[in-house]
C-alpha atoms as a PDB file:
ATOM      1  CA  UNK A   1      67.371 -40.278 -37.856  1.00  0.00           C
ATOM      2  CA  UNK A   2      69.008 -37.904 -35.428  1.00  0.00           C
ATOM      3  CA  UNK A   3      72.038 -35.966 -36.709  1.00  0.00           C
ATOM      4  CA  UNK A   4      74.286 -33.596 -34.791  1.00  0.00           C
ATOM      5  CA  UNK A   5      76.583 -31.176 -36.600  1.00  0.00           C
ATOM      6  CA  UNK A   6      79.542 -30.345 -34.358  1.00  0.00           C
ATOM      7  CA  UNK A   7      82.455 -27.985 -34.618  1.00  0.00           C
ATOM      8  CA  UNK A   8      84.017 -24.934 -33.117  1.00  0.00           C
ATOM      9  CA  UNK A   9      82.658 -21.461 -33.801  1.00  0.00           C
ATOM     10  CA  UNK A  10      82.901 -20.296 -37.420  1.00  0.00           C
ATOM     11  CA  UNK A  11      83.477 -23.802 -38.758  1.00  0.00           C
ATOM     12  CA  UNK A  12      80.512 -23.939 -41.167  1.00  0.00           C
ATOM     13  CA  UNK A  13      77.834 -25.645 -39.054  1.00  0.00           C
ATOM     14  CA  UNK A  14      75.046 -23.165 -39.806  1.00  0.00           C
ATOM     15  CA  UNK A  15      75.825 -23.242 -43.520  1.00  0.00           C
ATOM     16  CA  UNK A  16      75.751 -27.042 -43.637  1.00  0.00           C
ATOM     17  CA  UNK A  17      72.481 -27.269 -41.704  1.00  0.00           C
ATOM     18  CA  UNK A  18      70.911 -24.619 -43.941  1.00  0.00           C
ATOM     19  CA  UNK A  19      72.156 -26.210 -47.172  1.00  0.00           C
ATOM     20  CA  UNK A  20      70.920 -29.693 -46.243  1.00  0.00           C
ATOM     21  CA  UNK A  21      67.549 -28.592 -44.934  1.00  0.00           C
ATOM     22  CA  UNK A  22      66.880 -26.401 -47.960  1.00  0.00           C
ATOM     23  CA  UNK A  23      67.339 -29.473 -50.139  1.00  0.00           C
ATOM     24  CA  UNK A  24      65.556 -31.788 -47.682  1.00  0.00           C
ATOM     25  CA  UNK A  25      62.852 -29.768 -45.906  1.00  0.00           C
ATOM     26  CA  UNK A  26      61.574 -32.796 -43.974  1.00  0.00           C
ATOM     27  CA  UNK A  27      64.229 -32.368 -41.285  1.00  0.00           C
ATOM     28  CA  UNK A  28      63.288 -30.796 -37.991  1.00  0.00           C
ATOM     29  CA  UNK A  29      66.055 -28.296 -37.237  1.00  0.00           C
ATOM     30  CA  UNK A  30      67.356 -27.853 -33.704  1.00  0.00           C
ATOM     31  CA  UNK A  31      69.174 -24.479 -33.747  1.00  0.00           C
ATOM     32  CA  UNK A  32      72.441 -23.641 -32.036  1.00  0.00           C
ATOM     33  CA  UNK A  33      71.718 -23.614 -28.272  1.00  0.00           C
ATOM     34  CA  UNK A  34      73.494 -20.248 -28.047  1.00  0.00           C
ATOM     35  CA  UNK A  35      70.485 -18.760 -29.850  1.00  0.00           C
ATOM     36  CA  UNK A  36      68.174 -20.132 -27.148  1.00  0.00           C
ATOM     37  CA  UNK A  37      69.948 -19.124 -23.947  1.00  0.00           C
ATOM     38  CA  UNK A  38      69.852 -15.893 -21.989  1.00  0.00           C
ATOM     39  CA  UNK A  39      71.695 -13.199 -23.927  1.00  0.00           C
ATOM     40  CA  UNK A  40      73.177 -11.753 -20.737  1.00  0.00           C
ATOM     41  CA  UNK A  41      76.438 -13.597 -21.361  1.00  0.00           C
ATOM     42  CA  UNK A  42      78.708 -11.428 -23.437  1.00  0.00           C
ATOM     43  CA  UNK A  43      81.850 -13.534 -23.106  1.00  0.00           C
ATOM     44  CA  UNK A  44      82.582 -17.247 -22.796  1.00  0.00           C
ATOM     45  CA  UNK A  45      82.106 -18.620 -19.294  1.00  0.00           C
ATOM     46  CA  UNK A  46      81.612 -21.900 -17.489  1.00  0.00           C
ATOM     47  CA  UNK A  47      77.988 -20.979 -16.783  1.00  0.00           C
ATOM     48  CA  UNK A  48      77.271 -20.160 -20.414  1.00  0.00           C
ATOM     49  CA  UNK A  49      78.764 -23.404 -21.701  1.00  0.00           C
ATOM     50  CA  UNK A  50      77.069 -25.477 -18.994  1.00  0.00           C
ATOM     51  CA  UNK A  51      73.668 -23.959 -19.896  1.00  0.00           C
ATOM     52  CA  UNK A  52      74.257 -24.826 -23.557  1.00  0.00           C
ATOM     53  CA  UNK A  53      75.464 -28.346 -22.700  1.00  0.00           C
ATOM     54  CA  UNK A  54      72.332 -28.957 -20.652  1.00  0.00           C
ATOM     55  CA  UNK A  55      70.069 -27.653 -23.414  1.00  0.00           C
ATOM     56  CA  UNK A  56      71.892 -29.579 -26.158  1.00  0.00           C
ATOM     57  CA  UNK A  57      71.650 -32.804 -24.146  1.00  0.00           C
ATOM     58  CA  UNK A  58      68.001 -32.434 -23.150  1.00  0.00           C
ATOM     59  CA  UNK A  59      66.764 -31.899 -26.696  1.00  0.00           C
ATOM     60  CA  UNK A  60      68.381 -35.123 -27.927  1.00  0.00           C
ATOM     61  CA  UNK A  61      66.525 -37.317 -25.431  1.00  0.00           C
ATOM     62  CA  UNK A  62      63.613 -39.374 -26.743  1.00  0.00           C
ATOM     63  CA  UNK A  63      60.364 -37.467 -26.781  1.00  0.00           C
ATOM     64  CA  UNK A  64      57.101 -39.385 -26.759  1.00  0.00           C
ATOM     65  CA  UNK A  65      55.409 -36.552 -28.686  1.00  0.00           C
ATOM     66  CA  UNK A  66      57.857 -36.945 -31.577  1.00  0.00           C
ATOM     67  CA  UNK A  67      57.408 -39.613 -34.186  1.00  0.00           C
ATOM     68  CA  UNK A  68      60.249 -42.156 -33.964  1.00  0.00           C
ATOM     69  CA  UNK A  69      60.758 -41.879 -37.724  1.00  0.00           C
ATOM     70  CA  UNK A  70      61.096 -38.081 -37.703  1.00  0.00           C
ATOM     71  CA  UNK A  71      64.440 -36.841 -38.971  1.00  0.00           C
ATOM     72  CA  UNK A  72      66.179 -34.194 -36.875  1.00  0.00           C
ATOM     73  CA  UNK A  73      69.355 -32.240 -37.441  1.00  0.00           C
ATOM     74  CA  UNK A  74      70.918 -30.343 -34.564  1.00  0.00           C
ATOM     75  CA  UNK A  75      73.392 -27.525 -34.911  1.00  0.00           C
ATOM     76  CA  UNK A  76      75.766 -28.444 -32.101  1.00  0.00           C
ATOM     77  CA  UNK A  77      75.497 -31.207 -29.568  1.00  0.00           C
ATOM     78  CA  UNK A  78      76.590 -31.764 -25.997  1.00  0.00           C
ATOM     79  CA  UNK A  79      80.149 -32.694 -26.987  1.00  0.00           C
ATOM     80  CA  UNK A  80      80.628 -29.192 -28.395  1.00  0.00           C
ATOM     81  CA  UNK A  81      80.016 -27.645 -25.008  1.00  0.00           C
ATOM     82  CA  UNK A  82      81.994 -30.241 -23.094  1.00  0.00           C
ATOM     83  CA  UNK A  83      84.863 -29.352 -25.446  1.00  0.00           C
ATOM     84  CA  UNK A  84      84.350 -25.642 -24.765  1.00  0.00           C
ATOM     85  CA  UNK A  85      84.402 -26.266 -21.005  1.00  0.00           C
ATOM     86  CA  UNK A  86      87.650 -28.224 -21.237  1.00  0.00           C
ATOM     87  CA  UNK A  87      89.220 -25.675 -23.596  1.00  0.00           C
ATOM     88  CA  UNK A  88      88.204 -22.812 -21.301  1.00  0.00           C
ATOM     89  CA  UNK A  89      89.693 -24.671 -18.350  1.00  0.00           C
ATOM     90  CA  UNK A  90      93.020 -24.921 -20.200  1.00  0.00           C
ATOM     91  CA  UNK A  91      93.083 -21.399 -21.646  1.00  0.00           C
ATOM     92  CA  UNK A  92      91.726 -19.378 -18.762  1.00  0.00           C
ATOM     93  CA  UNK A  93      93.218 -21.437 -15.973  1.00  0.00           C
ATOM     94  CA  UNK A  94      89.708 -22.130 -14.711  1.00  0.00           C
ATOM     95  CA  UNK A  95      89.858 -25.043 -12.296  1.00  0.00           C
ATOM     96  CA  UNK A  96      86.780 -27.158 -12.892  1.00  0.00           C
ATOM     97  CA  UNK A  97      86.114 -29.645 -10.129  1.00  0.00           C
ATOM     98  CA  UNK A  98      86.583 -33.291 -11.050  1.00  0.00           C
ATOM     99  CA  UNK A  99      83.022 -34.060  -9.911  1.00  0.00           C
ATOM    100  CA  UNK A 100      81.651 -31.249 -12.105  1.00  0.00           C
ATOM    101  CA  UNK A 101      83.497 -32.592 -15.159  1.00  0.00           C
ATOM    102  CA  UNK A 102      82.366 -36.143 -14.387  1.00  0.00           C
ATOM    103  CA  UNK A 103      78.717 -35.000 -14.330  1.00  0.00           C
ATOM    104  CA  UNK A 104      79.170 -32.990 -17.535  1.00  0.00           C
ATOM    105  CA  UNK A 105      80.747 -36.011 -19.285  1.00  0.00           C
ATOM    106  CA  UNK A 106      77.915 -38.257 -18.076  1.00  0.00           C
ATOM    107  CA  UNK A 107      75.271 -35.806 -19.318  1.00  0.00           C
ATOM    108  CA  UNK A 108      76.961 -35.612 -22.729  1.00  0.00           C
ATOM    109  CA  UNK A 109      77.450 -39.391 -23.002  1.00  0.00           C
ATOM    110  CA  UNK A 110      73.851 -40.121 -22.050  1.00  0.00           C
ATOM    111  CA  UNK A 111      72.545 -37.708 -24.692  1.00  0.00           C
ATOM    112  CA  UNK A 112      74.891 -39.033 -27.375  1.00  0.00           C
ATOM    113  CA  UNK A 113      73.277 -42.489 -27.035  1.00  0.00           C
ATOM    114  CA  UNK A 114      70.340 -41.014 -28.981  1.00  0.00           C
ATOM    115  CA  UNK A 115      72.419 -39.700 -31.892  1.00  0.00           C
ATOM    116  CA  UNK A 116      72.620 -41.742 -35.084  1.00  0.00           C
ATOM    117  CA  UNK A 117      75.147 -39.592 -36.926  1.00  0.00           C
ATOM    118  CA  UNK A 118      77.653 -37.132 -35.489  1.00  0.00           C
ATOM    119  CA  UNK A 119      79.159 -34.938 -38.207  1.00  0.00           C
ATOM    120  CA  UNK A 120      82.297 -33.123 -37.127  1.00  0.00           C
ATOM    121  CA  UNK A 121      83.552 -30.104 -39.063  1.00  0.00           C
ATOM    122  CA  UNK A 122      87.205 -29.833 -38.049  1.00  0.00           C
ATOM    123  CA  UNK A 123      89.280 -26.768 -38.759  1.00  0.00           C
ATOM    124  CA  UNK A 124      91.928 -27.254 -41.408  1.00  0.00           C
ATOM    125  CA  UNK A 125      94.758 -25.015 -42.554  1.00  0.00           C
ATOM    126  CA  UNK A 126      93.043 -24.427 -45.897  1.00  0.00           C
ATOM    127  CA  UNK A 127      89.591 -23.523 -44.571  1.00  0.00           C
ATOM    128  CA  UNK A 128      88.025 -20.778 -46.617  1.00  0.00           C
ATOM    129  CA  UNK A 129      86.017 -19.770 -43.556  1.00  0.00           C
ATOM    130  CA  UNK A 130      87.313 -16.551 -42.081  1.00  0.00           C
ATOM    131  CA  UNK A 131      86.055 -15.823 -38.579  1.00  0.00           C
ATOM    132  CA  UNK A 132      85.200 -12.267 -37.702  1.00  0.00           C
ATOM    133  CA  UNK A 133      87.509 -10.061 -35.685  1.00  0.00           C
ATOM    134  CA  UNK A 134      85.176 -10.405 -32.685  1.00  0.00           C
ATOM    135  CA  UNK A 135      85.697 -14.188 -32.532  1.00  0.00           C
ATOM    136  CA  UNK A 136      87.965 -15.612 -29.838  1.00  0.00           C
ATOM    137  CA  UNK A 137      90.466 -17.314 -32.140  1.00  0.00           C
ATOM    138  CA  UNK A 138      92.431 -18.902 -29.315  1.00  0.00           C
ATOM    139  CA  UNK A 139      89.297 -20.495 -27.846  1.00  0.00           C
ATOM    140  CA  UNK A 140      88.199 -21.511 -31.358  1.00  0.00           C
ATOM    141  CA  UNK A 141      91.423 -23.432 -31.973  1.00  0.00           C
ATOM    142  CA  UNK A 142      91.547 -24.955 -28.484  1.00  0.00           C
ATOM    143  CA  UNK A 143      87.941 -26.138 -28.653  1.00  0.00           C
ATOM    144  CA  UNK A 144      88.592 -27.698 -32.069  1.00  0.00           C
ATOM    145  CA  UNK A 145      91.509 -29.736 -30.664  1.00  0.00           C
ATOM    146  CA  UNK A 146      89.540 -30.894 -27.628  1.00  0.00           C
ATOM    147  CA  UNK A 147      86.471 -31.789 -29.701  1.00  0.00           C
ATOM    148  CA  UNK A 148      88.541 -33.951 -32.044  1.00  0.00           C
ATOM    149  CA  UNK A 149      89.831 -35.852 -28.999  1.00  0.00           C
ATOM    150  CA  UNK A 150      86.368 -36.234 -27.442  1.00  0.00           C
ATOM    151  CA  UNK A 151      84.790 -37.752 -30.553  1.00  0.00           C
ATOM    152  CA  UNK A 152      87.403 -40.532 -30.366  1.00  0.00           C
ATOM    153  CA  UNK A 153      86.279 -41.493 -26.842  1.00  0.00           C
ATOM    154  CA  UNK A 154      84.075 -44.622 -26.975  1.00  0.00           C
ATOM    155  CA  UNK A 155      82.554 -43.704 -23.608  1.00  0.00           C
ATOM    156  CA  UNK A 156      81.191 -40.494 -25.136  1.00  0.00           C
ATOM    157  CA  UNK A 157      80.346 -41.753 -28.629  1.00  0.00           C
ATOM    158  CA  UNK A 158      79.075 -45.255 -28.225  1.00  0.00           C
ATOM    159  CA  UNK A 159      78.604 -48.015 -30.779  1.00  0.00           C
ATOM    160  CA  UNK A 160      75.209 -46.706 -31.910  1.00  0.00           C
ATOM    161  CA  UNK A 161      76.614 -43.390 -33.110  1.00  0.00           C
ATOM    162  CA  UNK A 162      78.438 -43.091 -36.412  1.00  0.00           C
ATOM    163  CA  UNK A 163      81.075 -40.357 -36.209  1.00  0.00           C
ATOM    164  CA  UNK A 164      82.252 -38.763 -39.461  1.00  0.00           C
ATOM    165  CA  UNK A 165      84.532 -35.823 -40.135  1.00  0.00           C
ATOM    166  CA  UNK A 166      83.532 -33.855 -43.218  1.00  0.00           C
ATOM    167  CA  UNK A 167      85.963 -31.532 -44.977  1.00  0.00           C
ATOM    168  CA  UNK A 168      85.790 -29.366 -48.068  1.00  0.00           C
ATOM    169  CA  UNK A 169      83.833 -26.413 -49.297  1.00  0.00           C
ATOM    170  CA  UNK A 170      80.136 -26.016 -48.432  1.00  0.00           C
ATOM    171  CA  UNK A 171      78.935 -27.844 -51.556  1.00  0.00           C
ATOM    172  CA  UNK A 172      81.226 -30.809 -50.902  1.00  0.00           C
ATOM    173  CA  UNK A 173      80.155 -30.968 -47.259  1.00  0.00           C
ATOM    174  CA  UNK A 174      76.484 -30.911 -48.220  1.00  0.00           C
ATOM    175  CA  UNK A 175      76.962 -33.638 -50.840  1.00  0.00           C
ATOM    176  CA  UNK A 176      78.821 -35.846 -48.345  1.00  0.00           C
ATOM    177  CA  UNK A 177      76.137 -35.426 -45.686  1.00  0.00           C
ATOM    178  CA  UNK A 178      73.426 -36.222 -48.253  1.00  0.00           C
ATOM    179  CA  UNK A 179      75.334 -39.386 -49.208  1.00  0.00           C
ATOM    180  CA  UNK A 180      75.587 -40.437 -45.545  1.00  0.00           C
ATOM    181  CA  UNK A 181      71.883 -39.797 -44.914  1.00  0.00           C
ATOM    182  CA  UNK A 182      70.891 -41.765 -48.029  1.00  0.00           C
ATOM    183  CA  UNK A 183      73.035 -44.684 -46.873  1.00  0.00           C
ATOM    184  CA  UNK A 184      71.556 -44.600 -43.387  1.00  0.00           C
ATOM    185  CA  UNK A 185      68.011 -44.503 -44.778  1.00  0.00           C
ATOM    186  CA  UNK A 186      68.753 -47.432 -47.093  1.00  0.00           C
ATOM    187  CA  UNK A 187      69.966 -49.467 -44.098  1.00  0.00           C
ATOM    188  CA  UNK A 188      66.880 -48.485 -42.096  1.00  0.00           C
ATOM    189  CA  UNK A 189      64.553 -49.606 -44.923  1.00  0.00           C
ATOM    190  CA  UNK A 190      66.516 -52.854 -45.241  1.00  0.00           C
ATOM    191  CA  UNK A 191      65.939 -53.606 -41.538  1.00  0.00           C
ATOM    192  CA  UNK A 192      62.156 -53.180 -41.684  1.00  0.00           C
END
């Protein structure tokens, strides 16, 4: 099973991944791509988000060295960074070329074909999560809106990917994800 946890910055992704994998240590964790890119970027940019999109997409592709039954959970997926690119375009007045966006969408869509479960953590007005003062709150909100639109696009999230929004406190989110994983595993056992 391949799971992607998506959401804007400071939406609870790291907490959910940590909570689930502590209870189910068999998951291979794919960390936030931001942790794996060059730290030279100190502010959001097209280049930074494109590097993360490329990394997030490449790690979801099938890997012959990995067992097909291995369970993986990724903190962020390619749709996160496509959403950041589109949000940055709107907020900063950055004019991304149509061909560039077409390639970015294709890269994200191709990678999403390998995702079984996309868990989206949308921002809500009653979120207990308080982002730090250093967070770009305008970009955070804009990315959240764009992401929620992207996950509705059947060209980006095809029929093989189950898309679920999970709300609530960390314990409720963890319990819901565990329920979804148990259901998916039961279906997988039923098919074999």
